[in-house]
Amino acid sequence: MNLPYTVVIGKGAIKELENYRMFTQRIVITEKKMAQLLKPQQYAPDAHILVFKGGEQQKQMKTVVSLAQEMMNLGVDRKSLVIAIGGGVVGDVAGFVASIYMRGIAYIHVPTTLLAMVDSSIGGKTGVDLHEAKNMLGTIYRPRAVISDLRFLLTLPKEEMRNGFAEIIKVALIKDNVLYHAIAKEKEKLLEPSHALLEGIIRRAIKIKLDIVTQDETEQGVRRLLNFGHTVGHAIEAASSYQIKHGTAVAIGMVYAAKLSQREGLLSQQSVTEILELLESMGFPTMLPTAMNKDQLIAGMMHDKKKEHQHIHAVLLKDIGNALIQELPIERWRGVL
């Protein structure tokens, strides 16, 4: 596969940062908890460390402007390197800063969560949220490299492992029924970072996403498949003021996408039941929070980036491992919510 940038996966992969010392300055951007836990100075001892509070609530333009101001004060120039060390929020924010600072400087992703390793670090999407909707401001900007050190998974609580597994299940559902059945066989045991099969499953999930984004970097066609579960999922996140984690929201979104697939005459009831049972066995909720209503979610979908007029590019399943994109009226979702 002819990738536009380097992707390194494995235990001890962080040593690859040594190969990126040729820049005038190296700037590590991370969030407060990660800086305390991992002490990024040990991985990039010559770098300036910029820290922000972290969390989805900080994924805003004011955070980007503050970081850019700090970079300017440090004299960061066009031949400098930004290194994002952290989860998806850190990667999205740091990548966005790098993409717009002096009209674009080099950056590297060092994802430290399962979710970031298998999803947000792959494909070059960067961005921040508006109050009404997720990732409404952003760019598609290639990193110089993605370095996924699997040892970082040992620092994660089970809830964060679960959060990332939603995206692994997603790529299995849209593209790889063999991967799906491997997950279904082990279920919640895979949430243990030391599980013998975990590294292979992570590598396979990353390869699926890489295959897709390499074909369609700017999301004009096949890359839209990666939005399976995200139409409802992003609306749930926004409606909860981002108190509901991305993986949980996407898991619920996949349930309703599967139900819509059945309603559209594409997916069997047996497959819908099987998907629900797998998600439940992994510890995911499979229904909307009781405090949310259909009108609230439909309103959230109206801000979805995939919306065109009153239609949305819905990702549906024909079978496990076989997805397609259909343009449907947003109101069609109301019948399954």
Protein backbone atom coordinates (compact mmCIF):
# COMPACT_ATOMS: atom_id res chain seq x y z
CA MET A 1 0.00 0.00 0.00
CA ASN A 2 1.48 3.37 -1.03
CA LEU A 3 0.86 5.52 2.03
CA PRO A 4 1.33 9.29 1.97
CA TYR A 5 3.06 9.20 5.39
CA THR A 6 4.79 6.83 7.80
CA VAL A 7 2.69 4.69 10.17
CA VAL A 8 4.55 2.81 12.90
CA ILE A 9 2.75 0.41 15.29
CA GLY A 10 4.19 -1.69 18.08
CA LYS A 11 5.56 -1.87 21.60
CA GLY A 12 8.37 0.66 21.92
CA ALA A 13 7.43 2.50 18.71
CA ILE A 14 7.91 5.86 20.47
CA LYS A 15 11.66 5.46 19.81
CA GLU A 16 10.85 6.50 16.23
CA LEU A 17 10.75 10.12 17.43
CA GLU A 18 14.56 9.99 17.38
CA ASN A 19 14.35 10.00 13.58
CA TYR A 20 12.72 13.46 13.60
CA ARG A 21 15.40 15.68 15.11
CA MET A 22 16.19 17.64 11.94
CA PHE A 23 13.67 20.42 12.63
CA THR A 24 14.60 23.88 13.95
CA GLN A 25 12.32 23.35 16.96
CA ARG A 26 10.15 20.50 18.22
CA ILE A 27 6.95 21.43 20.04
CA VAL A 28 5.07 18.77 22.01
CA ILE A 29 1.39 19.56 22.47
CA THR A 30 -0.39 17.49 25.08
CA GLU A 31 -3.08 17.80 27.73
CA LYS A 32 -2.57 18.24 31.47
CA LYS A 33 -3.32 14.68 32.66
CA MET A 34 -1.18 13.16 29.91
CA ALA A 35 1.73 15.46 30.74
CA GLN A 36 1.58 14.32 34.38
CA LEU A 37 1.16 10.63 33.53
CA LEU A 38 3.63 10.16 30.68
CA LYS A 39 6.11 13.00 31.22
CA PRO A 40 6.62 13.63 27.48
CA GLN A 41 10.02 15.27 28.11
CA GLN A 42 11.48 11.75 28.29
CA TYR A 43 10.44 11.08 24.70
CA ALA A 44 11.43 14.45 23.25
CA PRO A 45 13.95 15.95 25.70
CA ASP A 46 14.82 18.88 23.42
CA ALA A 47 11.20 19.91 22.82
CA HIS A 48 9.12 22.71 24.25
CA ILE A 49 6.10 21.20 26.04
CA LEU A 50 2.79 23.05 25.56
CA VAL A 51 -0.05 21.84 27.77
CA PHE A 52 -3.78 22.57 27.65
CA LYS A 53 -6.52 21.43 29.99
CA GLY A 54 -7.82 18.62 27.76
CA GLY A 55 -11.22 17.02 27.30
CA GLU A 56 -13.75 17.49 24.51
CA GLN A 57 -14.94 20.74 26.10
CA GLN A 58 -11.52 22.28 25.36
CA LYS A 59 -11.70 21.36 21.67
CA GLN A 60 -12.49 24.92 20.71
CA MET A 61 -10.98 27.76 18.67
CA LYS A 62 -9.88 29.58 21.82
CA THR A 63 -7.60 26.62 22.64
CA VAL A 64 -6.14 26.70 19.13
CA VAL A 65 -5.50 30.45 19.30
CA SER A 66 -3.89 30.15 22.74
CA LEU A 67 -1.52 27.40 21.56
CA ALA A 68 -0.64 29.29 18.38
CA GLN A 69 0.15 32.38 20.47
CA GLU A 70 2.47 30.33 22.68
CA MET A 71 4.18 28.93 19.58
CA MET A 72 4.70 32.41 18.17
CA ASN A 73 6.15 33.58 21.50
CA LEU A 74 8.63 30.69 21.33
CA GLY A 75 9.70 31.70 17.82
CA VAL A 76 8.32 28.60 16.14
CA ASP A 77 9.00 28.89 12.40
CA ARG A 78 8.05 27.04 9.23
CA LYS A 79 10.77 24.45 9.71
CA SER A 80 9.55 23.43 13.16
CA LEU A 81 7.70 20.24 14.11
CA VAL A 82 4.58 19.81 16.23
CA ILE A 83 4.33 16.47 18.09
CA ALA A 84 0.85 15.61 19.39
CA ILE A 85 1.14 13.21 22.34
CA GLY A 86 -2.26 12.19 23.68
CA GLY A 87 -5.73 11.02 22.74
CA GLY A 88 -8.08 12.15 20.01
CA VAL A 89 -8.71 15.64 21.37
CA VAL A 90 -4.97 16.34 21.55
CA GLY A 91 -4.44 15.02 18.03
CA ASP A 92 -7.33 17.00 16.56
CA VAL A 93 -6.31 20.24 18.25
CA ALA A 94 -2.55 19.93 17.68
CA GLY A 95 -3.06 18.84 14.07
CA PHE A 96 -5.35 21.80 13.46
CA VAL A 97 -2.83 24.22 14.98
CA ALA A 98 -0.06 22.75 12.82
CA SER A 99 -2.23 22.95 9.70
CA ILE A 100 -2.93 26.68 10.07
CA TYR A 101 0.17 28.02 11.85
CA MET A 102 2.17 29.94 9.22
CA ARG A 103 -0.16 28.23 6.71
CA GLY A 104 1.05 24.82 7.72
CA ILE A 105 4.04 23.24 9.50
CA ALA A 106 4.99 19.59 9.98
CA TYR A 107 3.38 17.49 12.70
CA ILE A 108 3.45 13.96 14.07
CA HIS A 109 0.72 12.04 15.89
CA VAL A 110 1.72 9.96 18.89
CA PRO A 111 -1.70 8.57 19.93
CA THR A 112 -1.87 7.27 23.49
CA THR A 113 -5.44 5.89 23.59
CA LEU A 114 -6.93 2.98 21.68
CA LEU A 115 -9.51 5.31 20.13
CA ALA A 116 -6.84 7.64 18.80
CA MET A 117 -4.67 4.79 17.53
CA VAL A 118 -7.37 3.12 15.45
CA ASP A 119 -9.35 6.19 14.42
CA SER A 120 -8.52 9.87 14.85
CA SER A 121 -4.77 9.64 14.18
CA ILE A 122 -5.35 7.95 10.80
CA GLY A 123 -6.49 9.97 7.80
CA GLY A 124 -5.31 13.52 8.45
CA LYS A 125 -8.55 14.99 9.79
CA THR A 126 -8.08 17.79 12.30
CA GLY A 127 -10.55 20.13 13.93
CA VAL A 128 -12.49 21.65 16.77
CA ASP A 129 -16.14 21.75 17.77
CA LEU A 130 -18.80 24.38 17.70
CA HIS A 131 -21.36 24.26 20.49
CA GLU A 132 -24.01 22.77 18.21
CA ALA A 133 -21.94 20.16 16.42
CA LYS A 134 -18.69 18.22 16.49
CA ASN A 135 -15.66 18.92 14.27
CA MET A 136 -17.35 21.73 12.36
CA LEU A 137 -14.10 23.67 11.97
CA GLY A 138 -11.11 21.78 10.69
CA THR A 139 -8.80 20.71 7.91
CA ILE A 140 -7.56 17.57 6.20
CA TYR A 141 -3.81 17.86 6.68
CA ARG A 142 -1.39 14.96 6.46
CA PRO A 143 0.89 14.26 9.43
CA ARG A 144 4.54 13.54 8.76
CA ALA A 145 4.09 10.29 10.70
CA VAL A 146 1.79 8.40 13.08
CA ILE A 147 3.63 6.56 15.86
CA SER A 148 1.45 4.19 17.90
CA ASP A 149 3.29 2.71 20.88
CA LEU A 150 1.07 -0.08 22.18
CA ARG A 151 2.64 0.15 25.64
CA PHE A 152 0.54 3.25 26.25
CA LEU A 153 -2.54 1.02 26.34
CA LEU A 154 -1.34 -0.33 29.68
CA THR A 155 -2.08 3.10 31.20
CA LEU A 156 -5.75 3.04 30.15
CA PRO A 157 -8.71 2.14 32.34
CA LYS A 158 -11.13 -0.41 30.90
CA GLU A 159 -13.63 2.34 30.05
CA GLU A 160 -11.09 3.97 27.71
CA MET A 161 -10.29 0.63 26.08
CA ARG A 162 -14.03 0.16 25.52
CA ASN A 163 -14.26 3.68 24.08
CA GLY A 164 -11.72 2.74 21.40
CA PHE A 165 -13.23 -0.64 20.66
CA ALA A 166 -16.37 0.98 19.27
CA GLU A 167 -14.31 2.16 16.29
CA ILE A 168 -12.73 -1.28 15.83
CA ILE A 169 -16.18 -2.86 15.76
CA LYS A 170 -17.26 -0.18 13.31
CA VAL A 171 -14.58 -0.97 10.72
CA ALA A 172 -15.31 -4.68 11.14
CA LEU A 173 -19.01 -4.10 10.47
CA ILE A 174 -18.41 -2.05 7.33
CA LYS A 175 -15.52 -3.99 5.80
CA ASP A 176 -14.37 -7.20 7.50
CA ASN A 177 -16.63 -9.95 8.79
CA VAL A 178 -13.59 -12.07 9.71
CA LEU A 179 -12.43 -9.34 12.07
CA TYR A 180 -15.99 -9.01 13.37
CA HIS A 181 -16.21 -12.71 14.25
CA ALA A 182 -12.75 -12.64 15.87
CA ILE A 183 -14.02 -9.86 18.15
CA ALA A 184 -17.31 -11.66 18.77
CA LYS A 185 -15.43 -14.77 19.87
CA GLU A 186 -13.37 -12.99 22.56
CA LYS A 187 -15.79 -10.15 23.44
CA GLU A 188 -14.97 -8.22 26.62
CA LYS A 189 -11.73 -10.15 27.18
CA LEU A 190 -10.23 -7.98 24.42
CA LEU A 191 -10.52 -4.94 26.70
CA GLU A 192 -7.48 -6.25 28.58
CA PRO A 193 -4.40 -4.52 27.08
CA SER A 194 -2.32 -7.68 27.56
CA HIS A 195 -4.68 -9.91 25.54
CA ALA A 196 -2.63 -12.02 23.10
CA LEU A 197 -4.87 -11.22 20.09
CA LEU A 198 -5.22 -7.49 20.73
CA GLU A 199 -2.20 -6.26 18.76
CA GLY A 200 -3.25 -8.19 15.66
CA ILE A 201 -6.81 -6.85 15.89
CA ILE A 202 -5.52 -3.29 16.27
CA ARG A 203 -3.22 -3.69 13.26
CA ARG A 204 -6.06 -5.09 11.15
CA ALA A 205 -8.42 -2.26 12.14
CA ILE A 206 -5.78 0.37 11.32
CA LYS A 207 -5.08 -1.26 7.96
CA ILE A 208 -8.78 -1.16 7.05
CA LYS A 209 -8.96 2.55 7.78
CA LEU A 210 -5.68 3.22 5.97
CA ASP A 211 -6.93 1.34 2.90
CA ILE A 212 -10.08 3.47 2.84
CA VAL A 213 -8.51 6.89 3.43
CA THR A 214 -5.72 6.21 0.96
CA GLN A 215 -8.39 5.72 -1.71
CA ASP A 216 -10.42 8.79 -0.73
CA GLU A 217 -8.54 11.28 1.41
CA THR A 218 -11.04 14.13 1.09
CA GLU A 219 -14.16 12.02 1.74
CA GLN A 220 -15.88 12.31 -1.61
CA GLY A 221 -16.85 8.64 -1.79
CA VAL A 222 -15.69 5.47 -0.03
CA ARG A 223 -14.31 7.30 3.02
CA ARG A 224 -17.89 8.15 3.97
CA LEU A 225 -18.26 4.50 5.01
CA LEU A 226 -16.21 5.35 8.09
CA ASN A 227 -19.14 7.45 9.31
CA PHE A 228 -21.15 4.33 10.15
CA GLY A 229 -22.80 5.00 13.53
CA HIS A 230 -21.61 8.61 13.56
CA THR A 231 -24.76 10.32 12.27
CA VAL A 232 -26.66 9.53 15.46
CA GLY A 233 -23.46 9.23 17.52
CA HIS A 234 -22.29 12.79 16.94
CA ALA A 235 -25.80 14.10 17.66
CA ILE A 236 -25.76 12.20 20.98
CA GLU A 237 -22.38 13.67 21.89
CA ALA A 238 -23.50 17.21 21.16
CA ALA A 239 -26.84 16.76 22.97
CA SER A 240 -24.98 15.56 26.06
CA SER A 241 -22.59 18.55 25.92
CA TYR A 242 -19.89 15.92 25.26
CA GLN A 243 -20.42 14.20 28.61
CA ILE A 244 -21.10 10.94 26.73
CA LYS A 245 -17.88 9.48 25.36
CA HIS A 246 -17.37 9.14 21.62
CA GLY A 247 -17.21 5.33 21.67
CA THR A 248 -20.41 5.01 23.67
CA ALA A 249 -22.21 7.45 21.37
CA VAL A 250 -20.99 5.66 18.24
CA ALA A 251 -22.01 2.27 19.65
CA ILE A 252 -25.57 3.55 20.17
CA GLY A 253 -25.42 5.15 16.73
CA MET A 254 -24.43 1.82 15.16
CA VAL A 255 -27.46 0.18 16.73
CA TYR A 256 -29.80 2.71 15.14
CA ALA A 257 -27.94 2.56 11.82
CA ALA A 258 -28.40 -1.23 11.86
CA LYS A 259 -32.10 -0.79 12.63
CA LEU A 260 -32.45 1.71 9.78
CA SER A 261 -30.65 -0.76 7.50
CA GLN A 262 -33.27 -3.36 8.36
CA ARG A 263 -36.10 -0.84 7.89
CA GLU A 264 -34.73 -0.05 4.42
CA GLY A 265 -34.85 -3.74 3.52
CA LEU A 266 -31.09 -4.28 3.52
CA LEU A 267 -30.15 -6.09 6.73
CA SER A 268 -31.75 -9.14 8.36
CA GLN A 269 -33.27 -9.08 11.83
CA GLN A 270 -30.85 -11.83 12.80
CA SER A 271 -27.88 -9.60 11.96
CA VAL A 272 -29.36 -6.66 13.87
CA THR A 273 -29.80 -8.91 16.92
CA GLU A 274 -26.26 -10.22 16.57
CA ILE A 275 -24.82 -6.69 16.46
CA LEU A 276 -26.81 -5.64 19.54
CA GLU A 277 -25.67 -8.72 21.44
CA LEU A 278 -21.99 -8.08 20.64
CA LEU A 279 -22.18 -4.44 21.71
CA GLU A 280 -23.97 -5.37 24.93
CA SER A 281 -21.41 -8.09 25.66
CA MET A 282 -18.65 -5.45 25.34
CA GLY A 283 -20.44 -3.30 27.89
CA PHE A 284 -21.97 -0.70 25.58
CA PRO A 285 -25.47 0.73 26.02
CA THR A 286 -27.68 0.05 23.00
CA MET A 287 -30.46 2.59 23.56
CA LEU A 288 -30.67 6.34 23.71
CA PRO A 289 -30.23 7.96 27.13
CA THR A 290 -33.66 8.48 28.66
CA ALA A 291 -33.07 12.24 28.89
CA MET A 292 -32.75 12.54 25.08
CA ASN A 293 -35.64 12.74 22.65
CA LYS A 294 -36.00 12.32 18.91
CA ASP A 295 -36.47 16.01 18.18
CA GLN A 296 -33.23 16.84 19.98
CA LEU A 297 -31.28 14.33 17.92
CA ILE A 298 -32.90 15.23 14.61
CA ALA A 299 -31.98 18.86 15.31
CA GLY A 300 -28.40 17.73 15.95
CA MET A 301 -28.31 15.84 12.66
CA MET A 302 -29.30 19.04 10.87
CA HIS A 303 -25.80 20.33 11.71
CA ASP A 304 -24.07 17.17 10.50
CA LYS A 305 -21.27 17.76 7.98
CA LYS A 306 -22.68 14.93 5.86
CA LYS A 307 -25.98 16.78 5.40
CA GLU A 308 -26.91 18.22 2.01
CA HIS A 309 -30.17 20.18 2.06
CA GLN A 310 -32.55 17.93 4.05
CA HIS A 311 -30.76 14.70 3.11
CA ILE A 312 -27.81 12.94 4.67
CA HIS A 313 -25.30 10.42 3.37
CA ALA A 314 -26.42 7.51 5.55
CA VAL A 315 -24.06 4.56 5.98
CA LEU A 316 -26.11 1.36 6.11
CA LEU A 317 -25.33 -2.36 6.22
CA LYS A 318 -26.29 -5.01 3.70
CA ASP A 319 -24.60 -7.62 5.86
CA ILE A 320 -21.92 -7.79 8.53
CA GLY A 321 -18.77 -6.64 6.78
CA ASN A 322 -20.64 -5.11 3.84
CA ALA A 323 -21.76 -1.46 3.97
CA LEU A 324 -23.10 1.04 1.47
CA ILE A 325 -23.96 4.73 1.36
CA GLN A 326 -27.48 5.97 0.67
CA GLU A 327 -28.74 9.51 0.50
CA LEU A 328 -31.79 9.59 2.75
CA PRO A 329 -34.02 12.34 4.16
CA ILE A 330 -32.92 13.10 7.73
CA GLU A 331 -36.49 12.52 8.90
CA ARG A 332 -36.13 8.85 7.86
CA TRP A 333 -34.09 8.36 11.05
CA ARG A 334 -37.05 9.38 13.19
CA GLY A 335 -38.76 6.05 12.52
CA VAL A 336 -35.99 4.06 14.26
CA LEU A 337 -35.01 6.42 17.10
